[in-house]
Protein backbone atom coordinates (compact mmCIF):
# COMPACT_ATOMS: atom_id res chain seq x y z
CA MET A 1 -25.63 -39.90 -11.51
CA ALA A 2 -28.86 -40.76 -13.04
CA ASP A 3 -29.91 -42.54 -9.85
CA LEU A 4 -29.36 -39.53 -7.62
CA ARG A 5 -32.34 -37.85 -6.09
CA ILE A 6 -31.13 -35.05 -3.90
CA VAL A 7 -33.02 -32.96 -1.49
CA SER A 8 -31.18 -29.73 -0.23
CA LEU A 9 -32.47 -28.19 2.94
CA ILE A 10 -29.99 -25.25 3.11
CA PRO A 11 -29.53 -22.67 0.34
CA SER A 12 -25.64 -22.85 0.33
CA ALA A 13 -25.82 -26.66 -0.41
CA THR A 14 -28.29 -25.99 -3.24
CA GLU A 15 -25.79 -23.70 -4.69
CA ILE A 16 -22.90 -26.10 -4.17
CA ILE A 17 -24.89 -28.82 -5.96
CA HIS A 18 -25.43 -26.61 -9.03
CA SER A 19 -21.76 -25.53 -9.01
CA LEU A 20 -20.83 -29.17 -9.14
CA GLY A 21 -23.04 -29.70 -12.16
CA LEU A 22 -25.58 -31.82 -10.45
CA GLY A 23 -28.61 -29.51 -10.34
CA ASP A 24 -30.60 -31.79 -12.46
CA CYS A 25 -30.54 -34.31 -9.55
CA LEU A 26 -32.29 -32.02 -7.12
CA VAL A 27 -35.84 -33.20 -6.37
CA GLY A 28 -36.67 -31.02 -3.32
CA ARG A 29 -35.55 -27.89 -1.53
CA SER A 30 -36.08 -25.78 1.65
CA HIS A 31 -38.30 -22.86 1.87
CA GLU A 32 -35.24 -20.57 1.73
CA CYS A 33 -33.60 -22.25 -1.32
CA ASP A 34 -34.10 -19.67 -4.12
CA TYR A 35 -30.97 -19.62 -6.22
CA PRO A 36 -30.47 -20.37 -8.98
CA ALA A 37 -34.07 -19.46 -10.01
CA SER A 38 -34.66 -22.86 -11.59
CA VAL A 39 -34.82 -24.36 -8.03
CA GLN A 40 -37.93 -22.34 -7.15
CA SER A 41 -40.20 -24.81 -9.00
CA LEU A 42 -39.04 -27.71 -6.83
CA PRO A 43 -41.25 -29.12 -3.94
CA VAL A 44 -40.66 -27.20 -0.67
CA CYS A 45 -39.78 -29.60 2.24
CA THR A 46 -39.39 -27.22 5.24
CA GLU A 47 -41.35 -24.39 6.90
CA PRO A 48 -40.75 -22.10 9.77
CA LYS A 49 -42.60 -22.60 13.03
CA PHE A 50 -42.66 -18.74 13.66
CA GLU A 51 -44.26 -15.94 11.71
CA PRO A 52 -41.36 -14.73 9.48
CA GLU A 53 -42.92 -11.30 8.70
CA GLY A 54 -42.22 -8.49 11.11
CA SER A 55 -39.48 -6.16 12.34
CA SER A 56 -36.00 -7.47 13.39
CA PRO A 57 -36.89 -7.23 17.11
CA GLU A 58 -40.11 -9.05 16.65
CA ILE A 59 -38.42 -11.85 14.64
CA HIS A 60 -35.70 -12.19 17.30
CA ASP A 61 -38.32 -12.48 20.06
CA ARG A 62 -40.16 -15.06 18.34
CA VAL A 63 -37.19 -17.28 17.54
CA THR A 64 -35.83 -16.74 21.08
CA THR A 65 -39.11 -18.03 22.56
CA LEU A 66 -38.93 -21.09 20.63
CA LEU A 67 -35.39 -21.85 21.50
CA GLN A 68 -35.88 -21.17 25.22
CA SER A 69 -38.83 -23.59 25.09
CA ALA A 70 -36.48 -26.21 23.67
CA LEU A 71 -38.38 -26.23 20.46
CA SER A 72 -37.23 -26.41 16.86
CA VAL A 73 -37.32 -23.30 14.82
CA TYR A 74 -38.28 -25.03 11.59
CA ARG A 75 -40.21 -28.21 10.51
CA VAL A 76 -39.35 -30.89 8.05
CA LYS A 77 -42.41 -31.53 5.93
CA THR A 78 -42.30 -35.35 5.79
CA GLU A 79 -45.50 -35.57 3.85
CA VAL A 80 -43.73 -33.70 1.04
CA LEU A 81 -40.36 -35.50 1.54
CA GLU A 82 -41.79 -39.11 1.53
CA PRO A 83 -42.99 -39.26 -2.13
CA LEU A 84 -39.73 -37.66 -3.37
CA ARG A 85 -37.87 -40.87 -2.35
CA PRO A 86 -34.52 -39.06 -1.92
CA THR A 87 -31.26 -40.82 -2.03
CA HIS A 88 -29.41 -38.00 -0.31
CA ILE A 89 -30.60 -35.13 1.98
CA LEU A 90 -28.27 -32.22 2.56
CA THR A 91 -28.56 -30.23 5.76
CA GLN A 92 -26.30 -28.29 8.32
CA ALA A 93 -25.24 -28.47 11.99
CA GLN A 94 -23.94 -24.97 12.13
CA CYS A 95 -26.87 -22.89 13.28
CA GLU A 96 -30.38 -23.91 14.45
CA VAL A 97 -31.66 -20.43 13.87
CA CYS A 98 -30.53 -20.32 10.22
CA ALA A 99 -32.04 -23.57 8.90
CA VAL A 100 -33.48 -26.86 9.85
CA SER A 101 -31.27 -28.71 12.29
CA LEU A 102 -29.42 -31.99 11.79
CA GLY A 103 -31.57 -33.62 14.61
CA ASP A 104 -34.86 -32.40 12.88
CA VAL A 105 -33.71 -34.00 9.63
CA GLU A 106 -32.70 -37.34 11.30
CA ALA A 107 -35.95 -37.49 13.07
CA ALA A 108 -37.76 -37.02 9.78
CA VAL A 109 -35.74 -39.56 7.93
CA ALA A 110 -36.64 -42.12 10.59
CA GLN A 111 -40.34 -41.60 9.70
CA LEU A 112 -39.81 -42.37 6.09
CA THR A 113 -40.95 -45.80 4.73
CA ASP A 114 -40.26 -45.63 0.97
CA SER A 115 -36.56 -44.58 1.25
CA GLN A 116 -33.63 -44.35 3.66
CA PRO A 117 -31.58 -41.50 2.26
CA GLN A 118 -28.04 -40.73 3.27
CA VAL A 119 -28.01 -37.47 5.40
CA ILE A 120 -25.00 -35.23 4.52
CA SER A 121 -24.52 -32.60 7.31
CA LEU A 122 -22.31 -29.52 6.65
CA GLN A 123 -20.87 -27.35 9.34
CA PRO A 124 -19.01 -24.52 7.74
CA ASN A 125 -17.39 -21.83 10.05
CA ARG A 126 -14.61 -20.47 7.95
CA LEU A 127 -13.93 -19.86 4.35
CA MET A 128 -11.68 -22.88 4.09
CA ASP A 129 -14.67 -24.93 5.18
CA LEU A 130 -16.43 -24.04 1.92
CA TRP A 131 -13.84 -25.99 -0.05
CA THR A 132 -14.22 -28.97 2.28
CA ASP A 133 -17.95 -28.79 1.84
CA PHE A 134 -17.68 -29.00 -1.97
CA GLN A 135 -15.50 -32.16 -1.51
CA THR A 136 -17.75 -33.70 1.16
CA VAL A 137 -20.81 -33.32 -0.98
CA ALA A 138 -19.06 -34.43 -4.23
CA VAL A 139 -17.63 -37.48 -2.63
CA ALA A 140 -20.84 -38.43 -0.76
CA LEU A 141 -22.82 -38.24 -4.03
CA GLU A 142 -20.19 -39.82 -6.42
CA GLY A 143 -17.54 -41.52 -4.46
CA LYS A 144 -13.93 -41.02 -5.36
CA ALA A 145 -14.79 -39.69 -8.84
CA GLY A 146 -16.59 -36.82 -7.10
CA MET A 147 -13.21 -35.38 -5.95
CA ALA A 148 -12.18 -34.34 -9.47
CA ARG A 149 -15.71 -32.75 -10.02
CA ALA A 150 -15.13 -30.83 -6.65
CA GLN A 151 -11.64 -29.53 -7.66
CA ALA A 152 -12.87 -28.30 -10.99
CA ALA A 153 -15.67 -26.18 -9.23
CA ILE A 154 -13.28 -24.95 -6.53
CA ALA A 155 -10.38 -23.89 -8.77
CA PRO A 156 -11.99 -20.88 -10.45
CA LEU A 157 -13.47 -19.63 -7.17
CA GLN A 158 -10.09 -19.75 -5.42
CA GLN A 159 -8.47 -18.00 -8.33
CA ARG A 160 -10.93 -15.14 -8.13
CA LEU A 161 -10.12 -14.72 -4.44
CA HIS A 162 -6.38 -14.78 -5.17
CA ASP A 163 -6.77 -12.13 -7.80
CA LEU A 164 -8.84 -10.04 -5.59
CA ALA A 165 -6.38 -10.03 -2.73
CA ASN A 166 -3.68 -9.06 -5.17
CA GLN A 167 -5.80 -6.17 -6.50
CA VAL A 168 -6.51 -4.51 -3.10
CA GLN A 169 -3.38 -5.19 -1.21
CA ARG A 170 -1.88 -1.65 -1.96
CA LEU A 171 -5.07 0.16 -1.42
CA GLU A 172 -6.61 1.76 1.70
CA GLN A 173 -7.50 -0.72 4.45
CA PRO A 174 -10.60 0.92 6.19
CA THR A 175 -11.73 -0.32 9.57
CA VAL A 176 -15.14 -2.00 9.19
CA ALA A 177 -18.11 -2.93 11.32
CA CYS A 178 -20.23 -5.74 9.74
CA ILE A 179 -23.77 -5.83 11.17
CA GLU A 180 -25.49 -9.17 10.92
CA TRP A 181 -28.70 -8.20 12.78
CA PRO A 182 -29.90 -4.60 13.54
CA ASP A 183 -31.98 -5.03 16.62
CA PRO A 184 -30.63 -6.26 18.92
CA LEU A 185 -27.23 -5.34 17.39
CA MET A 186 -25.19 -8.30 16.32
CA ALA A 187 -21.82 -8.20 14.47
CA ALA A 188 -20.88 -10.77 11.77
CA GLY A 189 -18.55 -13.63 12.58
CA ASN A 190 -17.79 -16.96 10.99
CA TRP A 191 -16.38 -16.38 7.47
CA VAL A 192 -17.15 -12.58 7.32
CA PRO A 193 -13.96 -11.43 9.05
CA GLU A 194 -11.95 -13.34 6.40
CA LEU A 195 -14.03 -11.83 3.56
CA VAL A 196 -13.31 -8.33 4.90
CA GLU A 197 -9.60 -9.09 5.06
CA LEU A 198 -9.51 -10.53 1.49
CA ALA A 199 -11.39 -7.29 0.29
CA GLY A 200 -8.86 -5.04 1.78
CA GLY A 201 -10.54 -4.06 5.10
CA GLN A 202 -9.85 -4.47 8.85
CA CYS A 203 -12.82 -6.17 10.76
CA LEU A 204 -13.38 -4.60 13.97
CA PHE A 205 -15.89 -7.16 15.36
CA GLY A 206 -16.40 -10.88 14.96
CA THR A 207 -13.77 -13.54 14.94
CA ALA A 208 -13.11 -15.86 11.99
CA GLY A 209 -14.47 -19.33 12.65
CA GLN A 210 -16.63 -18.26 15.57
CA HIS A 211 -20.29 -17.47 15.75
CA SER A 212 -21.56 -13.97 15.27
CA PRO A 213 -21.30 -11.98 18.63
CA TRP A 214 -23.76 -9.56 20.09
CA LEU A 215 -22.60 -5.91 19.87
CA ASP A 216 -23.37 -3.15 22.24
CA TRP A 217 -23.65 0.56 21.14
CA PRO A 218 -20.80 1.83 23.41
CA SER A 219 -18.46 -0.62 21.71
CA LEU A 220 -19.55 0.46 18.19
CA VAL A 221 -19.17 4.09 19.22
CA ALA A 222 -15.82 3.56 20.80
CA ALA A 223 -14.43 1.75 17.82
CA ASN A 224 -15.80 4.47 15.41
CA PRO A 225 -15.33 2.48 12.27
CA ASP A 226 -14.52 3.96 8.80
CA CYS A 227 -17.11 1.82 7.31
CA ILE A 228 -20.41 0.24 8.48
CA VAL A 229 -21.76 -2.56 6.34
CA PHE A 230 -25.39 -4.01 7.02
CA MET A 231 -25.78 -7.61 6.12
CA PRO A 232 -28.66 -8.95 8.11
CA CYS A 233 -29.39 -12.74 8.05
CA GLY A 234 -32.27 -13.47 5.62
CA TYR A 235 -32.79 -9.82 4.53
CA ASP A 236 -32.67 -8.45 1.02
CA LEU A 237 -31.61 -4.84 0.21
CA ALA A 238 -35.12 -3.39 0.53
CA LYS A 239 -35.74 -5.18 3.95
CA THR A 240 -32.24 -4.19 5.20
CA ALA A 241 -32.85 -0.51 4.38
CA VAL A 242 -36.12 -0.57 6.38
CA GLU A 243 -34.73 -2.44 9.35
CA ALA A 244 -31.55 -0.30 9.56
CA LYS A 245 -33.60 3.04 9.53
CA PRO A 246 -34.45 3.01 13.22
CA LEU A 247 -30.77 2.93 14.21
CA THR A 248 -30.31 6.40 12.56
CA ARG A 249 -32.51 7.86 15.36
CA ARG A 250 -30.11 6.91 18.11
CA PRO A 251 -28.28 9.92 19.44
CA GLU A 252 -24.89 8.26 18.86
CA TRP A 253 -25.51 7.61 15.24
CA SER A 254 -24.60 11.06 13.83
CA THR A 255 -21.34 10.92 15.82
CA LEU A 256 -19.95 7.96 13.92
CA LYS A 257 -17.14 8.62 11.46
CA ALA A 258 -18.74 6.28 8.84
CA VAL A 259 -22.01 8.30 9.05
CA GLN A 260 -20.36 11.65 8.78
CA ASN A 261 -18.17 10.38 5.79
CA GLN A 262 -21.22 8.62 4.11
CA ARG A 263 -19.66 5.32 4.31
CA VAL A 264 -22.52 3.30 5.62
CA PHE A 265 -23.80 0.54 3.22
CA ILE A 266 -26.52 -1.99 3.04
CA THR A 267 -26.13 -5.32 1.33
CA ASP A 268 -28.32 -8.20 0.29
CA GLY A 269 -27.11 -10.43 3.07
CA ASN A 270 -29.60 -13.23 2.27
CA GLN A 271 -28.16 -13.75 -1.20
CA TYR A 272 -24.48 -13.31 -0.36
CA PHE A 273 -23.10 -13.10 3.08
CA ASN A 274 -25.35 -15.34 5.05
CA ARG A 275 -25.05 -18.53 2.98
CA PRO A 276 -21.62 -20.22 2.89
CA GLY A 277 -21.77 -21.39 -0.63
CA PRO A 278 -19.85 -20.45 -3.86
CA ARG A 279 -21.16 -16.89 -3.90
CA LEU A 280 -19.12 -16.02 -0.85
CA VAL A 281 -16.57 -15.08 -3.55
CA ASP A 282 -19.04 -12.59 -4.84
CA SER A 283 -19.43 -11.39 -1.23
CA ALA A 284 -15.74 -10.60 -1.01
CA GLU A 285 -15.91 -8.61 -4.28
CA ILE A 286 -18.90 -6.78 -2.96
CA LEU A 287 -16.87 -5.65 0.01
CA ALA A 288 -13.99 -4.66 -2.21
CA GLU A 289 -16.36 -2.57 -4.18
CA ILE A 290 -17.61 -0.98 -0.90
CA PHE A 291 -14.21 -0.40 0.61
CA HIS A 292 -12.48 1.00 -2.50
CA ALA A 293 -15.14 2.76 -4.45
CA GLN A 294 -14.44 1.00 -7.76
CA PRO A 295 -16.09 -1.94 -9.50
CA ILE A 296 -14.50 -5.33 -8.84
CA GLY A 297 -15.33 -8.39 -10.94
CA SER A 298 -18.59 -7.94 -12.65
CA GLY A 299 -19.75 -5.01 -10.41
CA TYR A 300 -22.50 -5.48 -7.88
CA GLY A 301 -23.68 -1.90 -7.19
CA ASP A 302 -27.52 -1.59 -6.76
CA ARG A 303 -27.74 -5.40 -7.10
CA GLY A 304 -25.74 -6.56 -4.11
CA TRP A 305 -25.14 -3.36 -2.29
CA GLN A 306 -26.24 0.29 -1.96
CA LEU A 307 -25.14 3.42 -0.05
CA PHE A 308 -27.36 3.70 3.08
CA ARG A 309 -29.03 7.20 3.19
């Protein structure tokens, strides 16, 4: 363990490393890795190739332009990576919009002269993949001994989900629209439909294990969900409140049942729903609080979610 020098280029992997008790082995991070707070002092090894400030449609257009030009969305800063002499680099092959891609990392590693780190690529699509990622990372770092470390980290998380499912099984099961991007409108897929079900809701859009789908307004109006939950990728509560506001000016907005019953919510998607790490368990508990109007676990109101007004 003393010889490990880990660079994590995705926030979820950074959180997995800490859950495994290997946080002291991290020597570098991505520009988006910000939890736990201690990692913010680490050298930053990636940067976006687009201006990240702006409205949701502006950011969408900038990223789309890069992708249509067959360009990467992020850059690996090899000038920062080289002197860190990493033994392992954690990245992902799940979404080229969300974080630096596997291909970009492999190209960067090929340029290194002082080290040839092992690249560990994660590709989570469902909740069960989180447990696999724990095992993959632990075994890659510590061999067979890592499996016991992974199981010790996984067990309490799985127990919390089990307890949550038991707690909500006899409660109301509202229909839910989870919104991952406000403009253009996108529903949440991948692990989110499973989190909704575990929290005692019925997910109307998005399919477990599949990428988040675009959503048109007629479909949203026709489904008329009991609850609407905003969880935009990369946005905190304050930014989500700002970016969701233009939707309230659409003529269809006031006709929605969730709006009329004051069951529209914003969440900190960046910290919880968008990163498939150990805090997906917190995300499920947040949804349960939203659906059932009662504190679950440690209570996340005003920290992880708010009523949208």
